[in-house]
Structure formats: structure tokens, C-alpha cells
Amino acid sequence: MVVTLIIACEVAFWVLLVAGLALRYPARKPRLGAAVLLCEPVLELVLLAATAVDLRNGAEGDWTHGLAAVYIGFTVAYGHSVVKWADGHFAHRFAGGPPPVKPPRYGMPRAVHEWKMCGRSVLGAVIAMALLEGAIRYVGDAGRSESLAQWQARMLLVIGISVVIGISYTIWPKKDPGGSSAPAREPSEGARTAGTRTVSRR
């Protein structure tokens, strides 16, 4: 049941995201679109409640409950950036907004980007570990929650790998094969202002 609910939440996340942005830009109903997007966090609450009910009913804390905690943690950590990314593409495509800025690929700007991604991964792992600890205490039986403790160990591994990646890009920054060390340019202030005004008018 838990795995099915996780899949349903993931599908619902993208359905709500597309529907909310479609209402906001092509349909020109920004308030209704924002209301739909605000429903996104409800999905995590539903999954959290369903997992707690399953454990309360005597289910063993197996890998599915651990996966639910990890899903919630990383959705919280990465959800906003995904919505922001999709919003930028919709604004550009349907409202004359500026082109979305691509992440830097080389040099220290790339290292900074990797550290930001590291921060999100660490945040997601920490949230997952906190939820897992709550589930372990909720179950109150080490024999029934061994799988949850194993998921906590995996989250520590995720944190370690994320930090190592950030360090590697800092010590050995990726070089531009073309020889240019200049960071990726963002749209000019005029372009951003024009795009903002266009979006506002619509």
C-alpha cells in the first residue's frame, strides 16, 4: 500500500504542477494556478499520515516505510526548486519571460552550484533521518524497526557522497574545453525587467 501511495503522490505532484502552471500562464488565471500549486505540500502530509496509520495498525517498519520517509524528505528539499524551474520555463514559453538561466558548467561557478545541490541533498537526508527516527520511536520495538535504522545509515551515506562531490568540484574545478573561464551569463537587467512586466500584464 505504501509503495502504491508513493507512486500516486509522485504522479499527483507532476499533475498539480503542470495544471497549476497551465492555469497561471496559458489560461491567465494566476490566483487559481497559485491555489493549485499550494496543494502540493498536502501530498506529503497524506503520505506521512498514511505511513503513521500503517505503523499504528501493527505493520512492521519495513523498507516501504523507510522509502516513504526518504521520499518526503527529498520532496521537501527539492520540491521548491523543481517548481521554480518549471515556472521559469512556463513564463518564458507562454508569458514572454526571459529564458531560464542554465546552471554553470565550468570553474568555480559550477562548484558553487554543486554545493547548492549538496545542501539540498543534505537537507533531504536530514529530514528523512528525522522522520525515520520518529517512526522508530513510534514503533518502539527494535526488532520491528530494523529496516528503518538501515535507511538512516543510507542517508548518512548520501550526505557523505554529496559532500565529497562538492569538495571534488572545489579542489578540481571542471575546465571549459574551449578555454573560457567566464561564468554563464544571466539575462540582462533590462531583459528581466521586460519579462517581469510582460508576466505582470498577463
C-alpha atoms as a PDB file:
ATOM      1  CA  MET A   1       0.000   0.000   0.000  1.00  0.00           C
ATOM      2  CA  VAL A   2       2.746   2.449   0.950  1.00  0.00           C
ATOM      3  CA  VAL A   3       4.638   1.977  -2.322  1.00  0.00           C
ATOM      4  CA  THR A   4       1.427   2.493  -4.302  1.00  0.00           C
ATOM      5  CA  LEU A   5       0.770   5.686  -2.367  1.00  0.00           C
ATOM      6  CA  ILE A   6       4.315   6.941  -3.023  1.00  0.00           C
ATOM      7  CA  ILE A   7       3.826   6.410  -6.766  1.00  0.00           C
ATOM      8  CA  ALA A   8       0.424   8.117  -6.601  1.00  0.00           C
ATOM      9  CA  CYS A   9       1.960  11.101  -4.777  1.00  0.00           C
ATOM     10  CA  GLU A  10       4.711  11.421  -7.382  1.00  0.00           C
ATOM     11  CA  VAL A  11       2.215  11.336 -10.250  1.00  0.00           C
ATOM     12  CA  ALA A  12      -0.051  13.796  -8.441  1.00  0.00           C
ATOM     13  CA  PHE A  13       2.906  16.130  -7.848  1.00  0.00           C
ATOM     14  CA  TRP A  14       3.560  16.498 -11.573  1.00  0.00           C
ATOM     15  CA  VAL A  15      -0.141  16.671 -12.441  1.00  0.00           C
ATOM     16  CA  LEU A  16      -0.682  19.502  -9.948  1.00  0.00           C
ATOM     17  CA  LEU A  17       2.486  21.250 -11.108  1.00  0.00           C
ATOM     18  CA  VAL A  18       1.501  21.231 -14.781  1.00  0.00           C
ATOM     19  CA  ALA A  19      -2.119  22.101 -14.001  1.00  0.00           C
ATOM     20  CA  GLY A  20      -1.154  24.985 -11.717  1.00  0.00           C
ATOM     21  CA  LEU A  21       1.287  26.497 -14.204  1.00  0.00           C
ATOM     22  CA  ALA A  22      -1.122  25.978 -17.105  1.00  0.00           C
ATOM     23  CA  LEU A  23      -3.741  27.933 -15.184  1.00  0.00           C
ATOM     24  CA  ARG A  24      -1.222  30.598 -14.222  1.00  0.00           C
ATOM     25  CA  TYR A  25       0.131  31.290 -17.711  1.00  0.00           C
ATOM     26  CA  PRO A  26      -1.788  29.932 -20.753  1.00  0.00           C
ATOM     27  CA  ALA A  27      -5.193  30.262 -19.020  1.00  0.00           C
ATOM     28  CA  ARG A  28      -4.154  33.577 -17.383  1.00  0.00           C
ATOM     29  CA  LYS A  29      -5.666  32.688 -14.020  1.00  0.00           C
ATOM     30  CA  PRO A  30      -2.724  33.287 -11.683  1.00  0.00           C
ATOM     31  CA  ARG A  31      -4.696  33.096  -8.437  1.00  0.00           C
ATOM     32  CA  LEU A  32      -6.311  29.784  -9.315  1.00  0.00           C
ATOM     33  CA  GLY A  33      -2.951  28.467 -10.519  1.00  0.00           C
ATOM     34  CA  ALA A  34      -1.290  29.502  -7.255  1.00  0.00           C
ATOM     35  CA  ALA A  35      -4.065  27.784  -5.290  1.00  0.00           C
ATOM     36  CA  VAL A  36      -3.445  24.549  -7.188  1.00  0.00           C
ATOM     37  CA  LEU A  37       0.315  24.780  -6.588  1.00  0.00           C
ATOM     38  CA  LEU A  38      -0.289  25.299  -2.870  1.00  0.00           C
ATOM     39  CA  CYS A  39      -1.913  21.862  -2.794  1.00  0.00           C
ATOM     40  CA  GLU A  40       1.483  20.255  -3.419  1.00  0.00           C
ATOM     41  CA  PRO A  41       2.524  20.025   0.280  1.00  0.00           C
ATOM     42  CA  VAL A  42      -0.758  18.237   1.057  1.00  0.00           C
ATOM     43  CA  LEU A  43       0.589  15.207  -0.808  1.00  0.00           C
ATOM     44  CA  GLU A  44       3.458  14.789   1.653  1.00  0.00           C
ATOM     45  CA  LEU A  45       1.081  15.183   4.596  1.00  0.00           C
ATOM     46  CA  VAL A  46      -1.204  12.494   3.192  1.00  0.00           C
ATOM     47  CA  LEU A  47       1.738  10.122   2.721  1.00  0.00           C
ATOM     48  CA  LEU A  48       3.044  10.868   6.207  1.00  0.00           C
ATOM     49  CA  ALA A  49      -0.379  10.255   7.760  1.00  0.00           C
ATOM     50  CA  ALA A  50      -0.896   7.023   5.816  1.00  0.00           C
ATOM     51  CA  THR A  51       2.517   5.721   6.897  1.00  0.00           C
ATOM     52  CA  ALA A  52       1.803   6.557  10.549  1.00  0.00           C
ATOM     53  CA  VAL A  53      -1.585   4.813  10.389  1.00  0.00           C
ATOM     54  CA  ASP A  54       0.001   1.731   8.824  1.00  0.00           C
ATOM     55  CA  LEU A  55       2.569   1.542  11.613  1.00  0.00           C
ATOM     56  CA  ARG A  56      -0.056   2.159  14.279  1.00  0.00           C
ATOM     57  CA  ASN A  57      -2.065  -0.771  12.944  1.00  0.00           C
ATOM     58  CA  GLY A  58       0.839  -3.073  13.734  1.00  0.00           C
ATOM     59  CA  ALA A  59       2.729  -3.148  10.425  1.00  0.00           C
ATOM     60  CA  GLU A  60       6.427  -3.900  10.663  1.00  0.00           C
ATOM     61  CA  GLY A  61       8.630  -0.908   9.869  1.00  0.00           C
ATOM     62  CA  ASP A  62       9.968  -2.305   6.615  1.00  0.00           C
ATOM     63  CA  TRP A  63      11.702  -0.783   3.585  1.00  0.00           C
ATOM     64  CA  THR A  64       8.456   0.713   2.247  1.00  0.00           C
ATOM     65  CA  HIS A  65       8.025   2.922   5.306  1.00  0.00           C
ATOM     66  CA  GLY A  66      11.679   3.924   5.037  1.00  0.00           C
ATOM     67  CA  LEU A  67      11.206   4.782   1.382  1.00  0.00           C
ATOM     68  CA  ALA A  68       8.207   6.941   2.289  1.00  0.00           C
ATOM     69  CA  ALA A  69      10.325   8.925   4.764  1.00  0.00           C
ATOM     70  CA  VAL A  70      13.075   9.386   2.177  1.00  0.00           C
ATOM     71  CA  TYR A  71      10.556  10.453  -0.470  1.00  0.00           C
ATOM     72  CA  ILE A  72       9.050  13.067   1.835  1.00  0.00           C
ATOM     73  CA  GLY A  73      12.468  14.385   2.869  1.00  0.00           C
ATOM     74  CA  PHE A  74      13.779  14.847  -0.649  1.00  0.00           C
ATOM     75  CA  THR A  75      10.479  16.209  -1.947  1.00  0.00           C
ATOM     76  CA  VAL A  76      10.617  18.893   0.734  1.00  0.00           C
ATOM     77  CA  ALA A  77      14.279  19.645  -0.095  1.00  0.00           C
ATOM     78  CA  TYR A  78      13.948  19.713  -3.881  1.00  0.00           C
ATOM     79  CA  GLY A  79      10.265  20.495  -4.409  1.00  0.00           C
ATOM     80  CA  HIS A  80      10.583  24.280  -4.397  1.00  0.00           C
ATOM     81  CA  SER A  81      13.486  24.289  -6.856  1.00  0.00           C
ATOM     82  CA  VAL A  82      11.552  21.993  -9.225  1.00  0.00           C
ATOM     83  CA  VAL A  83       8.517  24.288  -9.103  1.00  0.00           C
ATOM     84  CA  LYS A  84      10.746  27.332  -9.674  1.00  0.00           C
ATOM     85  CA  TRP A  85      12.437  25.623 -12.638  1.00  0.00           C
ATOM     86  CA  ALA A  86       9.115  24.697 -14.235  1.00  0.00           C
ATOM     87  CA  ASP A  87       7.680  28.164 -13.563  1.00  0.00           C
ATOM     88  CA  GLY A  88      10.616  29.768 -15.383  1.00  0.00           C
ATOM     89  CA  HIS A  89      10.054  27.599 -18.441  1.00  0.00           C
ATOM     90  CA  PHE A  90       6.302  28.258 -18.498  1.00  0.00           C
ATOM     91  CA  ALA A  91       6.846  32.007 -18.063  1.00  0.00           C
ATOM     92  CA  HIS A  92       9.306  32.028 -20.943  1.00  0.00           C
ATOM     93  CA  ARG A  93       7.120  29.907 -23.203  1.00  0.00           C
ATOM     94  CA  PHE A  94       3.707  31.445 -22.542  1.00  0.00           C
ATOM     95  CA  ALA A  95       4.247  34.890 -20.992  1.00  0.00           C
ATOM     96  CA  GLY A  96       7.263  36.366 -22.743  1.00  0.00           C
ATOM     97  CA  GLY A  97       9.515  35.964 -19.731  1.00  0.00           C
ATOM     98  CA  PRO A  98      13.312  35.790 -20.021  1.00  0.00           C
ATOM     99  CA  PRO A  99      14.922  32.484 -20.991  1.00  0.00           C
ATOM    100  CA  PRO A 100      15.665  30.300 -17.963  1.00  0.00           C
ATOM    101  CA  VAL A 101      19.292  30.554 -16.899  1.00  0.00           C
ATOM    102  CA  LYS A 102      21.141  27.269 -17.284  1.00  0.00           C
ATOM    103  CA  PRO A 103      23.346  26.083 -14.419  1.00  0.00           C
ATOM    104  CA  PRO A 104      27.042  26.929 -14.858  1.00  0.00           C
ATOM    105  CA  ARG A 105      29.113  24.108 -16.302  1.00  0.00           C
ATOM    106  CA  TYR A 106      32.697  25.062 -15.545  1.00  0.00           C
ATOM    107  CA  GLY A 107      35.031  26.600 -12.983  1.00  0.00           C
ATOM    108  CA  MET A 108      34.108  27.857  -9.533  1.00  0.00           C
ATOM    109  CA  PRO A 109      30.552  28.813 -10.578  1.00  0.00           C
ATOM    110  CA  ARG A 110      29.992  25.096 -11.200  1.00  0.00           C
ATOM    111  CA  ALA A 111      31.485  24.321  -7.793  1.00  0.00           C
ATOM    112  CA  VAL A 112      29.092  26.776  -6.134  1.00  0.00           C
ATOM    113  CA  HIS A 113      26.206  25.155  -7.987  1.00  0.00           C
ATOM    114  CA  GLU A 114      27.297  21.708  -6.792  1.00  0.00           C
ATOM    115  CA  TRP A 115      27.466  22.932  -3.206  1.00  0.00           C
ATOM    116  CA  LYS A 116      23.909  24.233  -3.513  1.00  0.00           C
ATOM    117  CA  MET A 117      22.817  20.818  -4.768  1.00  0.00           C
ATOM    118  CA  CYS A 118      24.762  19.282  -1.900  1.00  0.00           C
ATOM    119  CA  GLY A 119      22.883  21.473   0.545  1.00  0.00           C
ATOM    120  CA  ARG A 120      19.543  20.298  -0.814  1.00  0.00           C
ATOM    121  CA  SER A 121      20.622  16.668  -0.658  1.00  0.00           C
ATOM    122  CA  VAL A 122      21.853  17.053   2.917  1.00  0.00           C
ATOM    123  CA  LEU A 123      18.597  18.783   3.881  1.00  0.00           C
ATOM    124  CA  GLY A 124      16.542  15.993   2.323  1.00  0.00           C
ATOM    125  CA  ALA A 125      18.628  13.328   4.060  1.00  0.00           C
ATOM    126  CA  VAL A 126      18.377  15.072   7.442  1.00  0.00           C
ATOM    127  CA  ILE A 127      14.592  15.408   7.141  1.00  0.00           C
ATOM    128  CA  ALA A 128      14.351  11.744   6.151  1.00  0.00           C
ATOM    129  CA  MET A 129      16.511  10.716   9.111  1.00  0.00           C
ATOM    130  CA  ALA A 130      14.341  12.739  11.479  1.00  0.00           C
ATOM    131  CA  LEU A 131      11.181  11.109  10.122  1.00  0.00           C
ATOM    132  CA  LEU A 132      12.802   7.689  10.356  1.00  0.00           C
ATOM    133  CA  GLU A 133      13.819   8.345  13.959  1.00  0.00           C
ATOM    134  CA  GLY A 134      10.254   9.386  14.718  1.00  0.00           C
ATOM    135  CA  ALA A 135       8.967   6.180  13.142  1.00  0.00           C
ATOM    136  CA  ILE A 136      11.454   4.074  15.122  1.00  0.00           C
ATOM    137  CA  ARG A 137      10.349   5.658  18.382  1.00  0.00           C
ATOM    138  CA  TYR A 138       6.707   5.347  17.331  1.00  0.00           C
ATOM    139  CA  VAL A 139       7.083   1.621  16.696  1.00  0.00           C
ATOM    140  CA  GLY A 140       9.006   1.190  19.951  1.00  0.00           C
ATOM    141  CA  ASP A 141      10.382  -2.205  19.024  1.00  0.00           C
ATOM    142  CA  ALA A 142      13.921  -2.588  17.666  1.00  0.00           C
ATOM    143  CA  GLY A 143      13.012  -5.871  16.032  1.00  0.00           C
ATOM    144  CA  ARG A 144      10.162  -4.285  14.049  1.00  0.00           C
ATOM    145  CA  SER A 145      12.114  -1.194  13.033  1.00  0.00           C
ATOM    146  CA  GLU A 146      15.481  -2.609  11.968  1.00  0.00           C
ATOM    147  CA  SER A 147      14.839  -1.693   8.318  1.00  0.00           C
ATOM    148  CA  LEU A 148      14.179   1.927   9.310  1.00  0.00           C
ATOM    149  CA  ALA A 149      17.558   2.110  11.053  1.00  0.00           C
ATOM    150  CA  GLN A 150      19.174   0.772   7.890  1.00  0.00           C
ATOM    151  CA  TRP A 151      17.578   3.602   5.922  1.00  0.00           C
ATOM    152  CA  GLN A 152      19.146   6.073   8.351  1.00  0.00           C
ATOM    153  CA  ALA A 153      22.561   4.583   7.581  1.00  0.00           C
ATOM    154  CA  ARG A 154      21.857   5.008   3.862  1.00  0.00           C
ATOM    155  CA  MET A 155      21.031   8.667   4.425  1.00  0.00           C
ATOM    156  CA  LEU A 156      24.388   9.157   6.126  1.00  0.00           C
ATOM    157  CA  LEU A 157      25.972   7.665   3.017  1.00  0.00           C
ATOM    158  CA  VAL A 158      24.024  10.100   0.827  1.00  0.00           C
ATOM    159  CA  ILE A 159      25.303  13.005   2.922  1.00  0.00           C
ATOM    160  CA  GLY A 160      28.879  11.758   2.653  1.00  0.00           C
ATOM    161  CA  ILE A 161      28.717  11.295  -1.130  1.00  0.00           C
ATOM    162  CA  SER A 162      27.123  14.739  -1.598  1.00  0.00           C
ATOM    163  CA  VAL A 163      29.858  16.433   0.420  1.00  0.00           C
ATOM    164  CA  VAL A 164      32.589  14.554  -1.449  1.00  0.00           C
ATOM    165  CA  ILE A 165      31.119  15.693  -4.781  1.00  0.00           C
ATOM    166  CA  GLY A 166      31.067  19.310  -3.595  1.00  0.00           C
ATOM    167  CA  ILE A 167      34.676  19.077  -2.396  1.00  0.00           C
ATOM    168  CA  SER A 168      35.827  17.470  -5.651  1.00  0.00           C
ATOM    169  CA  TYR A 169      34.400  20.309  -7.765  1.00  0.00           C
ATOM    170  CA  THR A 170      36.039  22.826  -5.437  1.00  0.00           C
ATOM    171  CA  ILE A 171      39.507  21.246  -5.471  1.00  0.00           C
ATOM    172  CA  TRP A 172      39.384  20.145  -9.118  1.00  0.00           C
ATOM    173  CA  PRO A 173      37.041  22.603 -10.857  1.00  0.00           C
ATOM    174  CA  LYS A 174      35.795  21.434 -14.222  1.00  0.00           C
ATOM    175  CA  LYS A 175      37.617  23.292 -17.006  1.00  0.00           C
ATOM    176  CA  ASP A 176      35.976  24.748 -20.072  1.00  0.00           C
ATOM    177  CA  PRO A 177      37.286  22.787 -23.088  1.00  0.00           C
ATOM    178  CA  GLY A 178      37.018  25.992 -25.099  1.00  0.00           C
ATOM    179  CA  GLY A 179      39.426  27.746 -22.769  1.00  0.00           C
ATOM    180  CA  SER A 180      36.939  30.298 -21.437  1.00  0.00           C
ATOM    181  CA  SER A 181      36.689  30.600 -17.668  1.00  0.00           C
ATOM    182  CA  ALA A 182      33.879  33.144 -17.715  1.00  0.00           C
ATOM    183  CA  PRO A 183      30.726  32.010 -15.873  1.00  0.00           C
ATOM    184  CA  ALA A 184      27.422  31.589 -17.664  1.00  0.00           C
ATOM    185  CA  ARG A 185      25.808  34.964 -18.220  1.00  0.00           C
ATOM    186  CA  GLU A 186      22.397  35.724 -16.854  1.00  0.00           C
ATOM    187  CA  PRO A 187      19.850  37.728 -18.841  1.00  0.00           C
ATOM    188  CA  SER A 188      20.415  41.456 -18.633  1.00  0.00           C
ATOM    189  CA  GLU A 189      18.526  43.556 -16.130  1.00  0.00           C
ATOM    190  CA  GLY A 190      16.534  45.057 -18.980  1.00  0.00           C
ATOM    191  CA  ALA A 191      15.524  41.639 -20.245  1.00  0.00           C
ATOM    192  CA  ARG A 192      14.490  40.518 -16.776  1.00  0.00           C
ATOM    193  CA  THR A 193      12.506  43.709 -16.228  1.00  0.00           C
ATOM    194  CA  ALA A 194      10.794  43.393 -19.590  1.00  0.00           C
ATOM    195  CA  GLY A 195       9.942  39.783 -18.917  1.00  0.00           C
ATOM    196  CA  THR A 196       8.590  40.633 -15.464  1.00  0.00           C
ATOM    197  CA  ARG A 197       6.396  43.370 -16.880  1.00  0.00           C
ATOM    198  CA  THR A 198       5.094  41.056 -19.556  1.00  0.00           C
ATOM    199  CA  VAL A 199       4.204  38.416 -16.987  1.00  0.00           C
ATOM    200  CA  SER A 200       2.576  41.029 -14.756  1.00  0.00           C
ATOM    201  CA  ARG A 201       0.430  42.353 -17.586  1.00  0.00           C
ATOM    202  CA  ARG A 202      -0.821  38.868 -18.315  1.00  0.00           C
END
